[in-house]
Amino acid sequence: MNDQLHELVAELCQVGQDAVQKGLALASGGNLSVRVPGSDEFAVTGAGTFLDRLTVDSFAVVDLKDSTTVDSSSTRPSSEWKLHHRTYRARPDVNCIIHLHPQFAVLLDALGHNIRLFTLDHAFYVKSIGRTDFYPNGSDELADTAAAQASEHNCIVMGNHGSSAIGPSIEMAYRRAVNMEQAAEATYRALLLGDTKSEFPRDQWEKLHHA
C-alpha cells in the first residue's frame, strides 16, 4: 500500500469510528471504500470488520476491470464489494462510497415516507435522494439498482437495508451521509408534530452556496 492510499485508508478508519459513535452503523453494519489514486482499483473494508475498529490492514483492494482481489493473500473484501464496484463504474467522478445502516433513513423509507430536506446543509450536500427496493445484501440486483440510482443521485436509500453516499472525496461522501440521516431524523420529528409538507424553500435552491 503506497503512502497516498495509506493516508486515504487511515481517513476512512476515522470515518468508520465516527459513524458508529453517531449511531449511523452498528458493529460490522456497513462498509467503506475509496478509489486507489492513479489506478483502476478501489480499497474496501474487509468482510465482517467492525467499522469502529478499522486499521489499514482491514481493507482489501479490488480491481475495477476484472473484479479480482489484487492481493490474494490480503483481507477478504466485504460481501458488498459489488455495490462499490458497480457504483464506481457508473460514476467515474466518484472517489469514495460510504455505505451505512442509518436507522431513521431506513425506518422512514420502510414506512413509505420520503426524507425531506430542511436546512441549508441538507439541501447543499444531499440535494436529492434515490432509493432501491430490498434486495439481498451482496446481490447483483442490489449492486445494479444502487448504481443506477447513483447515476442521478449522490445519496441512496436501499429498502430495509441501509444507505449509500458518494462523493469526489471521503470528506464530501461522509458529509452527505451524515446530512441525509440528520434530514431523516428531522423528517421523523416533523411527522411526530403532524407536519407533512415543510422543507427547504424551493425558490432558494438555485441560490445555494456554502462558505
Protein backbone atom coordinates (compact mmCIF):
# COMPACT_ATOMS: atom_id res chain seq x y z
CA MET A 1 0.00 0.00 0.00
CA ASN A 2 1.58 3.27 -1.11
CA ASP A 3 1.73 6.35 1.10
CA GLN A 4 -1.17 8.14 -0.61
CA LEU A 5 -3.51 5.16 -0.29
CA HIS A 6 -2.34 4.61 3.28
CA GLU A 7 -3.43 8.18 4.14
CA LEU A 8 -6.84 7.72 2.49
CA VAL A 9 -7.46 4.42 4.25
CA ALA A 10 -6.45 5.96 7.57
CA GLU A 11 -9.01 8.71 6.94
CA LEU A 12 -11.69 6.06 6.29
CA CYS A 13 -10.77 4.41 9.59
CA GLN A 14 -11.64 7.68 11.35
CA VAL A 15 -14.90 7.90 9.39
CA GLY A 16 -15.84 4.39 10.49
CA GLN A 17 -15.24 5.21 14.13
CA ASP A 18 -17.22 8.45 13.90
CA ALA A 19 -20.11 6.76 12.08
CA VAL A 20 -20.51 4.19 14.84
CA GLN A 21 -20.30 6.88 17.53
CA LYS A 22 -23.06 8.81 15.75
CA GLY A 23 -25.26 5.72 15.54
CA LEU A 24 -25.07 5.50 11.76
CA ALA A 25 -23.90 1.89 11.93
CA LEU A 26 -23.53 -0.90 14.44
CA ALA A 27 -20.56 -3.28 14.57
CA SER A 28 -19.93 -4.52 11.01
CA GLY A 29 -23.14 -3.00 9.60
CA GLY A 30 -21.86 -1.11 6.58
CA ASN A 31 -18.71 -0.78 4.50
CA LEU A 32 -16.46 1.97 3.21
CA SER A 33 -14.32 2.32 0.11
CA VAL A 34 -12.02 4.69 -1.72
CA ARG A 35 -10.51 4.67 -5.21
CA VAL A 36 -6.82 3.90 -5.35
CA PRO A 37 -5.23 7.05 -6.82
CA GLY A 38 -3.84 6.62 -10.32
CA SER A 39 -5.23 3.14 -10.88
CA ASP A 40 -8.34 1.13 -11.79
CA GLU A 41 -8.68 -0.25 -8.27
CA PHE A 42 -10.51 0.54 -5.05
CA ALA A 43 -9.87 -0.30 -1.41
CA VAL A 44 -12.90 -1.57 0.52
CA THR A 45 -13.38 -2.69 4.10
CA GLY A 46 -12.94 -6.39 4.67
CA ALA A 47 -15.66 -8.93 5.38
CA GLY A 48 -17.02 -8.74 8.93
CA THR A 49 -14.87 -5.81 10.01
CA PHE A 50 -16.30 -3.58 12.76
CA LEU A 51 -16.41 -0.02 11.48
CA ASP A 52 -15.14 1.43 14.77
CA ARG A 53 -12.17 -0.96 14.89
CA LEU A 54 -10.72 -0.41 11.42
CA THR A 55 -7.00 -0.33 10.75
CA VAL A 56 -5.11 0.00 7.48
CA ASP A 57 -4.97 -3.82 7.42
CA SER A 58 -8.80 -4.02 7.44
CA PHE A 59 -9.05 -3.20 3.72
CA ALA A 60 -8.93 -5.29 0.56
CA VAL A 61 -8.00 -3.88 -2.85
CA VAL A 62 -10.26 -4.86 -5.75
CA ASP A 63 -9.63 -4.40 -9.46
CA LEU A 64 -12.37 -2.39 -11.20
CA LYS A 65 -11.78 -4.09 -14.54
CA ASP A 66 -11.97 -7.77 -13.70
CA SER A 67 -13.38 -7.67 -10.13
CA THR A 68 -10.49 -9.68 -8.71
CA THR A 69 -8.81 -9.05 -5.37
CA VAL A 70 -5.44 -7.52 -6.22
CA ASP A 71 -3.54 -9.37 -3.48
CA SER A 72 -4.99 -12.84 -2.89
CA SER A 73 -3.25 -13.02 0.47
CA SER A 74 -4.83 -9.81 1.73
CA THR A 75 -8.08 -9.26 3.63
CA ARG A 76 -11.19 -10.73 2.00
CA PRO A 77 -13.39 -7.87 0.70
CA SER A 78 -16.80 -7.11 2.16
CA SER A 79 -19.71 -9.12 0.78
CA GLU A 80 -20.98 -5.76 -0.53
CA TRP A 81 -17.96 -5.22 -2.78
CA LYS A 82 -20.22 -5.40 -5.85
CA LEU A 83 -22.17 -2.36 -4.60
CA HIS A 84 -18.94 -0.34 -4.61
CA HIS A 85 -17.65 -1.87 -7.84
CA ARG A 86 -20.78 -1.11 -9.88
CA THR A 87 -21.15 2.41 -8.46
CA TYR A 88 -17.55 3.35 -9.28
CA ARG A 89 -18.04 2.08 -12.82
CA ALA A 90 -21.27 4.11 -13.17
CA ARG A 91 -19.72 7.28 -11.71
CA PRO A 92 -16.11 7.91 -12.79
CA ASP A 93 -16.21 11.19 -10.85
CA VAL A 94 -16.76 9.41 -7.53
CA ASN A 95 -13.73 8.57 -5.37
CA CYS A 96 -15.43 7.42 -2.16
CA ILE A 97 -18.50 5.40 -1.20
CA ILE A 98 -19.91 5.36 2.33
CA HIS A 99 -22.42 2.54 2.89
CA LEU A 100 -24.05 2.65 6.34
CA HIS A 101 -27.15 1.37 8.14
CA PRO A 102 -28.75 4.60 9.46
CA GLN A 103 -31.89 3.93 11.49
CA PHE A 104 -34.03 6.98 10.67
CA ALA A 105 -33.48 6.86 6.90
CA VAL A 106 -34.25 3.14 6.70
CA LEU A 107 -37.27 3.44 9.01
CA LEU A 108 -38.86 6.32 7.10
CA ASP A 109 -38.37 4.54 3.80
CA ALA A 110 -39.87 1.32 5.17
CA LEU A 111 -42.92 3.29 6.35
CA GLY A 112 -43.36 4.89 2.94
CA HIS A 113 -42.22 8.41 3.86
CA ASN A 114 -39.85 10.50 1.78
CA ILE A 115 -36.91 12.09 3.54
CA ARG A 116 -37.38 15.86 3.44
CA LEU A 117 -34.51 18.33 3.33
CA PHE A 118 -34.99 21.19 5.80
CA THR A 119 -31.72 23.06 6.23
CA LEU A 120 -29.10 24.72 4.06
CA ASP A 121 -26.72 21.85 4.77
CA HIS A 122 -29.33 19.23 3.87
CA ALA A 123 -30.06 20.92 0.57
CA PHE A 124 -26.45 21.75 -0.31
CA TYR A 125 -24.87 18.39 0.49
CA VAL A 126 -27.69 15.92 -0.16
CA LYS A 127 -29.65 17.68 -2.93
CA SER A 128 -31.67 14.59 -3.88
CA ILE A 129 -32.15 11.04 -2.64
CA GLY A 130 -32.61 7.93 -4.73
CA ARG A 131 -33.87 4.57 -3.49
CA THR A 132 -33.97 0.90 -4.31
CA ASP A 133 -36.28 -1.86 -3.22
CA PHE A 134 -34.96 -4.51 -0.88
CA TYR A 135 -32.51 -6.96 -2.40
CA PRO A 136 -30.27 -9.42 -0.53
CA ASN A 137 -27.01 -7.95 0.64
CA GLY A 138 -24.15 -8.71 -1.72
CA SER A 139 -26.51 -9.46 -4.60
CA ASP A 140 -26.15 -8.33 -8.20
CA GLU A 141 -29.66 -6.85 -8.00
CA LEU A 142 -28.71 -4.57 -5.12
CA ALA A 143 -25.43 -3.53 -6.73
CA ASP A 144 -27.02 -2.84 -10.11
CA THR A 145 -30.05 -0.90 -8.84
CA ALA A 146 -27.95 1.18 -6.45
CA ALA A 147 -25.50 2.00 -9.26
CA ALA A 148 -28.40 3.01 -11.50
CA GLN A 149 -29.67 5.37 -8.80
CA ALA A 150 -26.15 6.74 -8.32
CA SER A 151 -26.21 7.96 -11.91
CA GLU A 152 -28.79 10.54 -10.78
CA HIS A 153 -28.30 10.93 -7.02
CA ASN A 154 -25.40 11.22 -4.58
CA CYS A 155 -27.42 9.71 -1.73
CA ILE A 156 -29.40 6.48 -1.96
CA VAL A 157 -31.60 4.57 0.48
CA MET A 158 -31.67 0.81 -0.03
CA GLY A 159 -35.01 -0.51 1.15
CA ASN A 160 -35.00 -2.27 4.54
CA HIS A 161 -31.22 -2.25 4.48
CA GLY A 162 -29.16 0.92 4.55
CA SER A 163 -27.85 3.89 2.63
CA SER A 164 -25.09 4.83 0.25
CA ALA A 165 -23.47 8.25 -0.01
CA ILE A 166 -20.91 9.03 -2.68
CA GLY A 167 -18.58 11.88 -3.45
CA PRO A 168 -15.37 13.09 -5.08
CA SER A 169 -13.63 12.84 -1.70
CA ILE A 170 -14.00 10.98 1.58
CA GLU A 171 -14.98 14.20 3.32
CA MET A 172 -17.77 15.01 0.86
CA ALA A 173 -19.17 11.48 0.82
CA TYR A 174 -19.31 11.43 4.61
CA ARG A 175 -20.83 14.91 4.82
CA ARG A 176 -23.59 13.65 2.55
CA ALA A 177 -24.13 10.51 4.62
CA VAL A 178 -24.38 12.48 7.87
CA ASN A 179 -26.67 15.14 6.45
CA MET A 180 -29.03 12.60 4.89
CA GLU A 181 -29.50 10.86 8.22
CA GLN A 182 -29.94 14.21 10.01
CA ALA A 183 -32.59 15.12 7.43
CA ALA A 184 -34.28 11.76 8.03
CA GLU A 185 -34.35 12.36 11.78
CA ALA A 186 -35.73 15.87 11.23
CA THR A 187 -38.42 14.41 8.95
CA TYR A 188 -39.31 11.87 11.64
CA ARG A 189 -39.67 14.61 14.24
CA ALA A 190 -41.75 16.75 11.88
CA LEU A 191 -44.10 13.81 11.31
CA LEU A 192 -44.49 13.37 15.07
CA LEU A 193 -45.58 17.00 15.19
CA GLY A 194 -48.11 16.37 12.43
CA ASP A 195 -46.17 18.21 9.72
CA THR A 196 -46.10 16.50 6.34
CA LYS A 197 -45.11 19.34 3.99
CA SER A 198 -42.39 21.61 5.37
CA GLU A 199 -38.98 21.55 3.64
CA PHE A 200 -36.18 23.82 2.43
CA PRO A 201 -37.76 26.58 0.28
CA ARG A 202 -37.75 25.54 -3.36
CA ASP A 203 -37.26 29.09 -4.62
CA GLN A 204 -33.86 29.18 -2.87
CA TRP A 205 -32.34 26.05 -4.45
CA GLU A 206 -30.67 27.90 -7.32
CA LYS A 207 -29.03 30.30 -4.88
CA LEU A 208 -27.42 27.57 -2.77
CA HIS A 209 -23.77 28.03 -1.91
CA HIS A 210 -21.60 27.19 1.06
CA ALA A 211 -18.74 29.06 2.67
